[in-house]
mmCIF file of all heavy atoms, coordinates in Angstrom:
data_MODEL
# 
_entry.id   MODEL 
# 
loop_
_atom_site.group_PDB 
_atom_site.id 
_atom_site.type_symbol 
_atom_site.label_atom_id 
_atom_site.label_alt_id 
_atom_site.label_comp_id 
_atom_site.label_asym_id 
_atom_site.label_entity_id 
_atom_site.label_seq_id 
_atom_site.pdbx_PDB_ins_code 
_atom_site.Cartn_x 
_atom_site.Cartn_y 
_atom_site.Cartn_z 
_atom_site.occupancy 
_atom_site.B_iso_or_equiv 
_atom_site.pdbx_formal_charge 
_atom_site.auth_seq_id 
_atom_site.auth_comp_id 
_atom_site.auth_asym_id 
_atom_site.auth_atom_id 
_atom_site.pdbx_PDB_model_num 
ATOM 1   N N   . GLU A 1 1  ? -1.010 -17.563 0.525   1.00 0.00 ? 1  GLU A N   1 
ATOM 2   C CA  . GLU A 1 1  ? -0.269 -16.574 -0.282  1.00 0.00 ? 1  GLU A CA  1 
ATOM 3   C C   . GLU A 1 1  ? -0.812 -15.151 -0.162  1.00 0.00 ? 1  GLU A C   1 
ATOM 4   O O   . GLU A 1 1  ? 0.004  -14.219 -0.019  1.00 0.00 ? 1  GLU A O   1 
ATOM 5   C CB  . GLU A 1 1  ? -0.308 -16.977 -1.650  1.00 0.00 ? 1  GLU A CB  1 
ATOM 6   C CG  . GLU A 1 1  ? 0.469  -18.249 -2.081  1.00 0.00 ? 1  GLU A CG  1 
ATOM 7   C CD  . GLU A 1 1  ? 0.277  -18.561 -3.603  1.00 0.00 ? 1  GLU A CD  1 
ATOM 8   O OE1 . GLU A 1 1  ? -0.200 -17.797 -4.323  1.00 0.00 ? 1  GLU A OE1 1 
ATOM 9   O OE2 . GLU A 1 1  ? 0.757  -19.610 -3.873  1.00 0.00 ? 1  GLU A OE2 1 
ATOM 10  N N   . LEU A 1 2  ? -2.126 -15.211 0.084   1.00 0.00 ? 2  LEU A N   1 
ATOM 11  C CA  . LEU A 1 2  ? -2.843 -13.795 0.198   1.00 0.00 ? 2  LEU A CA  1 
ATOM 12  C C   . LEU A 1 2  ? -2.363 -13.204 1.574   1.00 0.00 ? 2  LEU A C   1 
ATOM 13  O O   . LEU A 1 2  ? -2.145 -12.014 1.771   1.00 0.00 ? 2  LEU A O   1 
ATOM 14  C CB  . LEU A 1 2  ? -4.317 -13.997 0.091   1.00 0.00 ? 2  LEU A CB  1 
ATOM 15  C CG  . LEU A 1 2  ? -5.067 -12.736 0.274   1.00 0.00 ? 2  LEU A CG  1 
ATOM 16  C CD1 . LEU A 1 2  ? -4.798 -11.755 -0.765  1.00 0.00 ? 2  LEU A CD1 1 
ATOM 17  C CD2 . LEU A 1 2  ? -6.643 -12.901 0.281   1.00 0.00 ? 2  LEU A CD2 1 
ATOM 18  N N   . GLN A 1 3  ? -2.360 -14.052 2.523   1.00 0.00 ? 3  GLN A N   1 
ATOM 19  C CA  . GLN A 1 3  ? -1.980 -13.632 3.931   1.00 0.00 ? 3  GLN A CA  1 
ATOM 20  C C   . GLN A 1 3  ? -0.530 -13.116 3.950   1.00 0.00 ? 3  GLN A C   1 
ATOM 21  O O   . GLN A 1 3  ? -0.217 -12.124 4.543   1.00 0.00 ? 3  GLN A O   1 
ATOM 22  C CB  . GLN A 1 3  ? -2.177 -14.677 5.008   1.00 0.00 ? 3  GLN A CB  1 
ATOM 23  C CG  . GLN A 1 3  ? -1.948 -14.302 6.367   1.00 0.00 ? 3  GLN A CG  1 
ATOM 24  C CD  . GLN A 1 3  ? -2.864 -13.273 6.824   1.00 0.00 ? 3  GLN A CD  1 
ATOM 25  O OE1 . GLN A 1 3  ? -4.116 -13.178 6.390   1.00 0.00 ? 3  GLN A OE1 1 
ATOM 26  N NE2 . GLN A 1 3  ? -2.428 -12.480 7.687   1.00 0.00 ? 3  GLN A NE2 1 
ATOM 27  N N   . THR A 1 4  ? 0.326  -13.951 3.200   1.00 0.00 ? 4  THR A N   1 
ATOM 28  C CA  . THR A 1 4  ? 1.745  -13.482 3.095   1.00 0.00 ? 4  THR A CA  1 
ATOM 29  C C   . THR A 1 4  ? 1.948  -12.132 2.447   1.00 0.00 ? 4  THR A C   1 
ATOM 30  O O   . THR A 1 4  ? 2.668  -11.278 2.879   1.00 0.00 ? 4  THR A O   1 
ATOM 31  C CB  . THR A 1 4  ? 2.590  -14.496 2.489   1.00 0.00 ? 4  THR A CB  1 
ATOM 32  O OG1 . THR A 1 4  ? 2.316  -15.792 3.120   1.00 0.00 ? 4  THR A OG1 1 
ATOM 33  C CG2 . THR A 1 4  ? 4.083  -14.220 2.522   1.00 0.00 ? 4  THR A CG2 1 
ATOM 34  N N   . SER A 1 5  ? 1.231  -11.978 1.356   1.00 0.00 ? 5  SER A N   1 
ATOM 35  C CA  . SER A 1 5  ? 1.363  -10.712 0.546   1.00 0.00 ? 5  SER A CA  1 
ATOM 36  C C   . SER A 1 5  ? 0.605  -9.612  1.380   1.00 0.00 ? 5  SER A C   1 
ATOM 37  O O   . SER A 1 5  ? 1.176  -8.427  1.287   1.00 0.00 ? 5  SER A O   1 
ATOM 38  C CB  . SER A 1 5  ? 0.534  -10.887 -0.751  1.00 0.00 ? 5  SER A CB  1 
ATOM 39  O OG  . SER A 1 5  ? -0.778 -10.933 -0.683  1.00 0.00 ? 5  SER A OG  1 
ATOM 40  N N   . PHE A 1 6  ? -0.362 -9.862  2.135   1.00 0.00 ? 6  PHE A N   1 
ATOM 41  C CA  . PHE A 1 6  ? -0.931 -8.873  2.978   1.00 0.00 ? 6  PHE A CA  1 
ATOM 42  C C   . PHE A 1 6  ? -0.041 -8.369  4.038   1.00 0.00 ? 6  PHE A C   1 
ATOM 43  O O   . PHE A 1 6  ? 0.055  -7.170  4.329   1.00 0.00 ? 6  PHE A O   1 
ATOM 44  C CB  . PHE A 1 6  ? -2.237 -9.331  3.570   1.00 0.00 ? 6  PHE A CB  1 
ATOM 45  C CG  . PHE A 1 6  ? -2.992 -8.268  4.349   1.00 0.00 ? 6  PHE A CG  1 
ATOM 46  C CD1 . PHE A 1 6  ? -3.693 -7.220  3.834   1.00 0.00 ? 6  PHE A CD1 1 
ATOM 47  C CD2 . PHE A 1 6  ? -3.013 -8.451  5.830   1.00 0.00 ? 6  PHE A CD2 1 
ATOM 48  C CE1 . PHE A 1 6  ? -4.424 -6.208  4.628   1.00 0.00 ? 6  PHE A CE1 1 
ATOM 49  C CE2 . PHE A 1 6  ? -3.677 -7.428  6.484   1.00 0.00 ? 6  PHE A CE2 1 
ATOM 50  C CZ  . PHE A 1 6  ? -4.281 -6.465  6.008   1.00 0.00 ? 6  PHE A CZ  1 
ATOM 51  N N   . ASN A 1 7  ? 0.715  -9.225  4.658   1.00 0.00 ? 7  ASN A N   1 
ATOM 52  C CA  . ASN A 1 7  ? 1.565  -8.950  5.690   1.00 0.00 ? 7  ASN A CA  1 
ATOM 53  C C   . ASN A 1 7  ? 2.896  -8.099  5.202   1.00 0.00 ? 7  ASN A C   1 
ATOM 54  O O   . ASN A 1 7  ? 3.459  -7.419  5.943   1.00 0.00 ? 7  ASN A O   1 
ATOM 55  C CB  . ASN A 1 7  ? 2.077  -10.187 6.489   1.00 0.00 ? 7  ASN A CB  1 
ATOM 56  C CG  . ASN A 1 7  ? 0.841  -10.635 7.250   1.00 0.00 ? 7  ASN A CG  1 
ATOM 57  O OD1 . ASN A 1 7  ? -0.065 -10.013 7.687   1.00 0.00 ? 7  ASN A OD1 1 
ATOM 58  N ND2 . ASN A 1 7  ? 0.996  -12.003 7.634   1.00 0.00 ? 7  ASN A ND2 1 
ATOM 59  N N   . SER A 1 8  ? 3.151  -8.421  3.932   1.00 0.00 ? 8  SER A N   1 
ATOM 60  C CA  . SER A 1 8  ? 4.368  -7.754  3.415   1.00 0.00 ? 8  SER A CA  1 
ATOM 61  C C   . SER A 1 8  ? 4.155  -6.342  2.833   1.00 0.00 ? 8  SER A C   1 
ATOM 62  O O   . SER A 1 8  ? 5.078  -5.577  2.556   1.00 0.00 ? 8  SER A O   1 
ATOM 63  C CB  . SER A 1 8  ? 4.934  -8.608  2.319   1.00 0.00 ? 8  SER A CB  1 
ATOM 64  O OG  . SER A 1 8  ? 4.142  -8.586  1.189   1.00 0.00 ? 8  SER A OG  1 
ATOM 65  N N   . PHE A 1 9  ? 2.838  -6.038  2.742   1.00 0.00 ? 9  PHE A N   1 
ATOM 66  C CA  . PHE A 1 9  ? 2.484  -4.631  2.326   1.00 0.00 ? 9  PHE A CA  1 
ATOM 67  C C   . PHE A 1 9  ? 2.205  -3.737  3.479   1.00 0.00 ? 9  PHE A C   1 
ATOM 68  O O   . PHE A 1 9  ? 1.321  -3.918  4.266   1.00 0.00 ? 9  PHE A O   1 
ATOM 69  C CB  . PHE A 1 9  ? 1.106  -4.718  1.426   1.00 0.00 ? 9  PHE A CB  1 
ATOM 70  C CG  . PHE A 1 9  ? 0.859  -3.508  0.579   1.00 0.00 ? 9  PHE A CG  1 
ATOM 71  C CD1 . PHE A 1 9  ? 1.685  -3.374  -0.624  1.00 0.00 ? 9  PHE A CD1 1 
ATOM 72  C CD2 . PHE A 1 9  ? -0.105 -2.753  0.850   1.00 0.00 ? 9  PHE A CD2 1 
ATOM 73  C CE1 . PHE A 1 9  ? 1.417  -2.332  -1.328  1.00 0.00 ? 9  PHE A CE1 1 
ATOM 74  C CE2 . PHE A 1 9  ? -0.381 -1.590  0.047   1.00 0.00 ? 9  PHE A CE2 1 
ATOM 75  C CZ  . PHE A 1 9  ? 0.446  -1.500  -1.167  1.00 0.00 ? 9  PHE A CZ  1 
ATOM 76  N N   . SER A 1 10 ? 3.147  -2.722  3.730   1.00 0.00 ? 10 SER A N   1 
ATOM 77  C CA  . SER A 1 10 ? 3.058  -1.890  4.954   1.00 0.00 ? 10 SER A CA  1 
ATOM 78  C C   . SER A 1 10 ? 1.856  -0.905  4.813   1.00 0.00 ? 10 SER A C   1 
ATOM 79  O O   . SER A 1 10 ? 1.470  -0.604  3.713   1.00 0.00 ? 10 SER A O   1 
ATOM 80  C CB  . SER A 1 10 ? 4.325  -1.243  5.230   1.00 0.00 ? 10 SER A CB  1 
ATOM 81  O OG  . SER A 1 10 ? 4.607  -0.221  4.257   1.00 0.00 ? 10 SER A OG  1 
ATOM 82  N N   . ILE A 1 11 ? 1.476  -0.378  5.960   1.00 0.00 ? 11 ILE A N   1 
ATOM 83  C CA  . ILE A 1 11 ? 0.417  0.682   5.947   1.00 0.00 ? 11 ILE A CA  1 
ATOM 84  C C   . ILE A 1 11 ? 0.889  1.940   5.122   1.00 0.00 ? 11 ILE A C   1 
ATOM 85  O O   . ILE A 1 11 ? 0.127  2.677   4.616   1.00 0.00 ? 11 ILE A O   1 
ATOM 86  C CB  . ILE A 1 11 ? 0.028  0.897   7.355   1.00 0.00 ? 11 ILE A CB  1 
ATOM 87  C CG1 . ILE A 1 11 ? -1.270 1.837   7.370   1.00 0.00 ? 11 ILE A CG1 1 
ATOM 88  C CG2 . ILE A 1 11 ? 1.157  1.636   8.212   1.00 0.00 ? 11 ILE A CG2 1 
ATOM 89  C CD1 . ILE A 1 11 ? -2.489 1.125   6.960   1.00 0.00 ? 11 ILE A CD1 1 
ATOM 90  N N   . TRP A 1 12 ? 2.212  2.206   5.352   1.00 0.00 ? 12 TRP A N   1 
ATOM 91  C CA  . TRP A 1 12 ? 2.708  3.441   4.592   1.00 0.00 ? 12 TRP A CA  1 
ATOM 92  C C   . TRP A 1 12 ? 2.600  3.176   3.050   1.00 0.00 ? 12 TRP A C   1 
ATOM 93  O O   . TRP A 1 12 ? 2.373  4.297   2.441   1.00 0.00 ? 12 TRP A O   1 
ATOM 94  C CB  . TRP A 1 12 ? 4.124  3.744   5.074   1.00 0.00 ? 12 TRP A CB  1 
ATOM 95  C CG  . TRP A 1 12 ? 4.154  3.965   6.525   1.00 0.00 ? 12 TRP A CG  1 
ATOM 96  C CD1 . TRP A 1 12 ? 4.824  3.228   7.520   1.00 0.00 ? 12 TRP A CD1 1 
ATOM 97  C CD2 . TRP A 1 12 ? 3.557  5.113   7.119   1.00 0.00 ? 12 TRP A CD2 1 
ATOM 98  N NE1 . TRP A 1 12 ? 4.512  3.858   8.760   1.00 0.00 ? 12 TRP A NE1 1 
ATOM 99  C CE2 . TRP A 1 12 ? 3.888  4.966   8.585   1.00 0.00 ? 12 TRP A CE2 1 
ATOM 100 C CE3 . TRP A 1 12 ? 2.815  6.219   6.687   1.00 0.00 ? 12 TRP A CE3 1 
ATOM 101 C CZ2 . TRP A 1 12 ? 3.355  5.900   9.490   1.00 0.00 ? 12 TRP A CZ2 1 
ATOM 102 C CZ3 . TRP A 1 12 ? 2.377  7.148   7.817   1.00 0.00 ? 12 TRP A CZ3 1 
ATOM 103 C CH2 . TRP A 1 12 ? 2.609  6.926   9.095   1.00 0.00 ? 12 TRP A CH2 1 
ATOM 104 N N   . GLN A 1 13 ? 2.932  2.132   2.591   1.00 0.00 ? 13 GLN A N   1 
ATOM 105 C CA  . GLN A 1 13 ? 2.752  1.825   1.227   1.00 0.00 ? 13 GLN A CA  1 
ATOM 106 C C   . GLN A 1 13 ? 1.267  1.998   0.777   1.00 0.00 ? 13 GLN A C   1 
ATOM 107 O O   . GLN A 1 13 ? 1.012  2.576   -0.310  1.00 0.00 ? 13 GLN A O   1 
ATOM 108 C CB  . GLN A 1 13 ? 3.173  0.504   0.834   1.00 0.00 ? 13 GLN A CB  1 
ATOM 109 C CG  . GLN A 1 13 ? 4.744  0.238   0.881   1.00 0.00 ? 13 GLN A CG  1 
ATOM 110 C CD  . GLN A 1 13 ? 5.166  -1.157  0.587   1.00 0.00 ? 13 GLN A CD  1 
ATOM 111 O OE1 . GLN A 1 13 ? 4.504  -1.976  0.953   1.00 0.00 ? 13 GLN A OE1 1 
ATOM 112 N NE2 . GLN A 1 13 ? 6.341  -1.301  0.126   1.00 0.00 ? 13 GLN A NE2 1 
ATOM 113 N N   . ALA A 1 14 ? 0.344  1.563   1.525   1.00 0.00 ? 14 ALA A N   1 
ATOM 114 C CA  . ALA A 1 14 ? -1.043 1.636   1.230   1.00 0.00 ? 14 ALA A CA  1 
ATOM 115 C C   . ALA A 1 14 ? -1.477 3.078   1.190   1.00 0.00 ? 14 ALA A C   1 
ATOM 116 O O   . ALA A 1 14 ? -2.220 3.536   0.404   1.00 0.00 ? 14 ALA A O   1 
ATOM 117 C CB  . ALA A 1 14 ? -1.874 0.912   2.340   1.00 0.00 ? 14 ALA A CB  1 
ATOM 118 N N   . ILE A 1 15 ? -1.017 3.974   2.191   1.00 0.00 ? 15 ILE A N   1 
ATOM 119 C CA  . ILE A 1 15 ? -1.326 5.415   2.293   1.00 0.00 ? 15 ILE A CA  1 
ATOM 120 C C   . ILE A 1 15 ? -0.711 5.969   0.995   1.00 0.00 ? 15 ILE A C   1 
ATOM 121 O O   . ILE A 1 15 ? -1.409 6.817   0.331   1.00 0.00 ? 15 ILE A O   1 
ATOM 122 C CB  . ILE A 1 15 ? -0.817 5.949   3.551   1.00 0.00 ? 15 ILE A CB  1 
ATOM 123 C CG1 . ILE A 1 15 ? -1.716 5.459   4.693   1.00 0.00 ? 15 ILE A CG1 1 
ATOM 124 C CG2 . ILE A 1 15 ? -0.851 7.482   3.526   1.00 0.00 ? 15 ILE A CG2 1 
ATOM 125 C CD1 . ILE A 1 15 ? -1.094 5.821   6.073   1.00 0.00 ? 15 ILE A CD1 1 
ATOM 126 N N   . LEU A 1 16 ? 0.508  5.734   0.584   1.00 0.00 ? 16 LEU A N   1 
ATOM 127 C CA  . LEU A 1 16 ? 1.218  6.364   -0.526  1.00 0.00 ? 16 LEU A CA  1 
ATOM 128 C C   . LEU A 1 16 ? 0.404  5.851   -1.819  1.00 0.00 ? 16 LEU A C   1 
ATOM 129 O O   . LEU A 1 16 ? 0.190  6.716   -2.733  1.00 0.00 ? 16 LEU A O   1 
ATOM 130 C CB  . LEU A 1 16 ? 2.582  5.956   -0.554  1.00 0.00 ? 16 LEU A CB  1 
ATOM 131 C CG  . LEU A 1 16 ? 3.505  6.623   0.360   1.00 0.00 ? 16 LEU A CG  1 
ATOM 132 C CD1 . LEU A 1 16 ? 4.898  6.193   0.256   1.00 0.00 ? 16 LEU A CD1 1 
ATOM 133 C CD2 . LEU A 1 16 ? 3.423  8.127   0.211   1.00 0.00 ? 16 LEU A CD2 1 
ATOM 134 N N   . TRP A 1 17 ? -0.068 4.690   -1.899  1.00 0.00 ? 17 TRP A N   1 
ATOM 135 C CA  . TRP A 1 17 ? -0.699 4.154   -3.032  1.00 0.00 ? 17 TRP A CA  1 
ATOM 136 C C   . TRP A 1 17 ? -2.099 4.866   -3.225  1.00 0.00 ? 17 TRP A C   1 
ATOM 137 O O   . TRP A 1 17 ? -2.465 5.170   -4.401  1.00 0.00 ? 17 TRP A O   1 
ATOM 138 C CB  . TRP A 1 17 ? -0.993 2.657   -2.968  1.00 0.00 ? 17 TRP A CB  1 
ATOM 139 C CG  . TRP A 1 17 ? -1.696 2.034   -4.022  1.00 0.00 ? 17 TRP A CG  1 
ATOM 140 C CD1 . TRP A 1 17 ? -2.998 1.742   -4.074  1.00 0.00 ? 17 TRP A CD1 1 
ATOM 141 C CD2 . TRP A 1 17 ? -1.114 1.703   -5.280  1.00 0.00 ? 17 TRP A CD2 1 
ATOM 142 N NE1 . TRP A 1 17 ? -3.246 1.147   -5.289  1.00 0.00 ? 17 TRP A NE1 1 
ATOM 143 C CE2 . TRP A 1 17 ? -2.088 1.102   -6.057  1.00 0.00 ? 17 TRP A CE2 1 
ATOM 144 C CE3 . TRP A 1 17 ? 0.260  1.856   -5.777  1.00 0.00 ? 17 TRP A CE3 1 
ATOM 145 C CZ2 . TRP A 1 17 ? -1.784 0.696   -7.337  1.00 0.00 ? 17 TRP A CZ2 1 
ATOM 146 C CZ3 . TRP A 1 17 ? 0.482  1.370   -7.070  1.00 0.00 ? 17 TRP A CZ3 1 
ATOM 147 C CH2 . TRP A 1 17 ? -0.483 0.770   -7.807  1.00 0.00 ? 17 TRP A CH2 1 
ATOM 148 N N   . CYS A 1 18 ? -2.684 5.304   -2.153  1.00 0.00 ? 18 CYS A N   1 
ATOM 149 C CA  . CYS A 1 18 ? -3.854 6.181   -2.245  1.00 0.00 ? 18 CYS A CA  1 
ATOM 150 C C   . CYS A 1 18 ? -3.712 7.544   -2.589  1.00 0.00 ? 18 CYS A C   1 
ATOM 151 O O   . CYS A 1 18 ? -4.515 8.154   -3.353  1.00 0.00 ? 18 CYS A O   1 
ATOM 152 C CB  . CYS A 1 18 ? -4.689 6.086   -1.000  1.00 0.00 ? 18 CYS A CB  1 
ATOM 153 S SG  . CYS A 1 18 ? -5.265 4.399   -0.566  1.00 0.00 ? 18 CYS A SG  1 
ATOM 154 N N   . TYR A 1 19 ? -2.553 8.182   -2.038  1.00 0.00 ? 19 TYR A N   1 
ATOM 155 C CA  . TYR A 1 19 ? -2.550 9.668   -2.283  1.00 0.00 ? 19 TYR A CA  1 
ATOM 156 C C   . TYR A 1 19 ? -1.525 10.082  -3.347  1.00 0.00 ? 19 TYR A C   1 
ATOM 157 O O   . TYR A 1 19 ? -1.604 11.159  -3.867  1.00 0.00 ? 19 TYR A O   1 
ATOM 158 C CB  . TYR A 1 19 ? -1.921 10.233  -0.886  1.00 0.00 ? 19 TYR A CB  1 
ATOM 159 C CG  . TYR A 1 19 ? -3.052 10.269  0.213   1.00 0.00 ? 19 TYR A CG  1 
ATOM 160 C CD1 . TYR A 1 19 ? -2.992 9.365   1.217   1.00 0.00 ? 19 TYR A CD1 1 
ATOM 161 C CD2 . TYR A 1 19 ? -4.245 11.111  -0.003  1.00 0.00 ? 19 TYR A CD2 1 
ATOM 162 C CE1 . TYR A 1 19 ? -3.990 9.481   2.166   1.00 0.00 ? 19 TYR A CE1 1 
ATOM 163 C CE2 . TYR A 1 19 ? -5.076 11.102  0.875   1.00 0.00 ? 19 TYR A CE2 1 
ATOM 164 C CZ  . TYR A 1 19 ? -5.119 10.261  2.035   1.00 0.00 ? 19 TYR A CZ  1 
ATOM 165 O OH  . TYR A 1 19 ? -6.048 10.331  2.980   1.00 0.00 ? 19 TYR A OH  1 
ATOM 166 N N   . TYR A 1 20 ? -0.675 9.224   -3.952  1.00 0.00 ? 20 TYR A N   1 
ATOM 167 C CA  . TYR A 1 20 ? 0.238  9.723   -4.957  1.00 0.00 ? 20 TYR A CA  1 
ATOM 168 C C   . TYR A 1 20 ? -0.522 10.085  -6.214  1.00 0.00 ? 20 TYR A C   1 
ATOM 169 O O   . TYR A 1 20 ? -0.102 11.043  -6.886  1.00 0.00 ? 20 TYR A O   1 
ATOM 170 C CB  . TYR A 1 20 ? 1.360  8.843   -5.150  1.00 0.00 ? 20 TYR A CB  1 
ATOM 171 C CG  . TYR A 1 20 ? 1.170  7.621   -6.160  1.00 0.00 ? 20 TYR A CG  1 
ATOM 172 C CD1 . TYR A 1 20 ? 1.431  7.902   -7.541  1.00 0.00 ? 20 TYR A CD1 1 
ATOM 173 C CD2 . TYR A 1 20 ? 0.709  6.388   -5.740  1.00 0.00 ? 20 TYR A CD2 1 
ATOM 174 C CE1 . TYR A 1 20 ? 1.285  6.805   -8.444  1.00 0.00 ? 20 TYR A CE1 1 
ATOM 175 C CE2 . TYR A 1 20 ? 0.562  5.428   -6.694  1.00 0.00 ? 20 TYR A CE2 1 
ATOM 176 C CZ  . TYR A 1 20 ? 0.813  5.655   -8.056  1.00 0.00 ? 20 TYR A CZ  1 
ATOM 177 O OH  . TYR A 1 20 ? 0.525  4.641   -8.926  1.00 0.00 ? 20 TYR A OH  1 
ATOM 178 N N   . PRO A 1 21 ? -1.551 9.350   -6.584  1.00 0.00 ? 21 PRO A N   1 
ATOM 179 C CA  . PRO A 1 21 ? -2.218 9.859   -7.826  1.00 0.00 ? 21 PRO A CA  1 
ATOM 180 C C   . PRO A 1 21 ? -2.849 11.265  -7.699  1.00 0.00 ? 21 PRO A C   1 
ATOM 181 O O   . PRO A 1 21 ? -2.796 11.970  -8.599  1.00 0.00 ? 21 PRO A O   1 
ATOM 182 C CB  . PRO A 1 21 ? -3.327 8.808   -8.117  1.00 0.00 ? 21 PRO A CB  1 
ATOM 183 C CG  . PRO A 1 21 ? -2.886 7.559   -7.433  1.00 0.00 ? 21 PRO A CG  1 
ATOM 184 C CD  . PRO A 1 21 ? -2.149 8.167   -6.159  1.00 0.00 ? 21 PRO A CD  1 
ATOM 185 N N   . MET A 1 22 ? -3.432 11.577  -6.477  1.00 0.00 ? 22 MET A N   1 
ATOM 186 C CA  . MET A 1 22 ? -3.931 12.885  -6.349  1.00 0.00 ? 22 MET A CA  1 
ATOM 187 C C   . MET A 1 22 ? -2.788 13.896  -6.231  1.00 0.00 ? 22 MET A C   1 
ATOM 188 O O   . MET A 1 22 ? -2.983 14.989  -6.847  1.00 0.00 ? 22 MET A O   1 
ATOM 189 C CB  . MET A 1 22 ? -4.774 12.852  -5.028  1.00 0.00 ? 22 MET A CB  1 
ATOM 190 C CG  . MET A 1 22 ? -5.565 14.194  -4.798  1.00 0.00 ? 22 MET A CG  1 
ATOM 191 S SD  . MET A 1 22 ? -6.678 14.508  -6.156  1.00 0.00 ? 22 MET A SD  1 
ATOM 192 C CE  . MET A 1 22 ? -7.950 13.211  -5.862  1.00 0.00 ? 22 MET A CE  1 
ATOM 193 N N   . ALA A 1 23 ? -1.688 13.501  -5.733  1.00 0.00 ? 23 ALA A N   1 
ATOM 194 C CA  . ALA A 1 23 ? -0.557 14.504  -5.635  1.00 0.00 ? 23 ALA A CA  1 
ATOM 195 C C   . ALA A 1 23 ? -0.114 14.812  -7.055  1.00 0.00 ? 23 ALA A C   1 
ATOM 196 O O   . ALA A 1 23 ? 0.405  15.894  -7.354  1.00 0.00 ? 23 ALA A O   1 
ATOM 197 C CB  . ALA A 1 23 ? 0.482  13.917  -4.789  1.00 0.00 ? 23 ALA A CB  1 
ATOM 198 N N   . VAL A 1 24 ? -0.016 13.777  -7.946  1.00 0.00 ? 24 VAL A N   1 
ATOM 199 C CA  . VAL A 1 24 ? 0.286  13.957  -9.286  1.00 0.00 ? 24 VAL A CA  1 
ATOM 200 C C   . VAL A 1 24 ? -0.617 14.904  -10.042 1.00 0.00 ? 24 VAL A C   1 
ATOM 201 O O   . VAL A 1 24 ? -0.241 15.860  -10.768 1.00 0.00 ? 24 VAL A O   1 
ATOM 202 C CB  . VAL A 1 24 ? 0.471  12.594  -10.048 1.00 0.00 ? 24 VAL A CB  1 
ATOM 203 C CG1 . VAL A 1 24 ? 0.678  12.698  -11.439 1.00 0.00 ? 24 VAL A CG1 1 
ATOM 204 C CG2 . VAL A 1 24 ? 1.719  11.810  -9.520  1.00 0.00 ? 24 VAL A CG2 1 
# 
């Protein structure tokens, strides 16, 4: 399940997840 969830989470989502709080 962890491998499946890791594969479904794209790199762009990870980047946005890191930067959107700072942008806010």
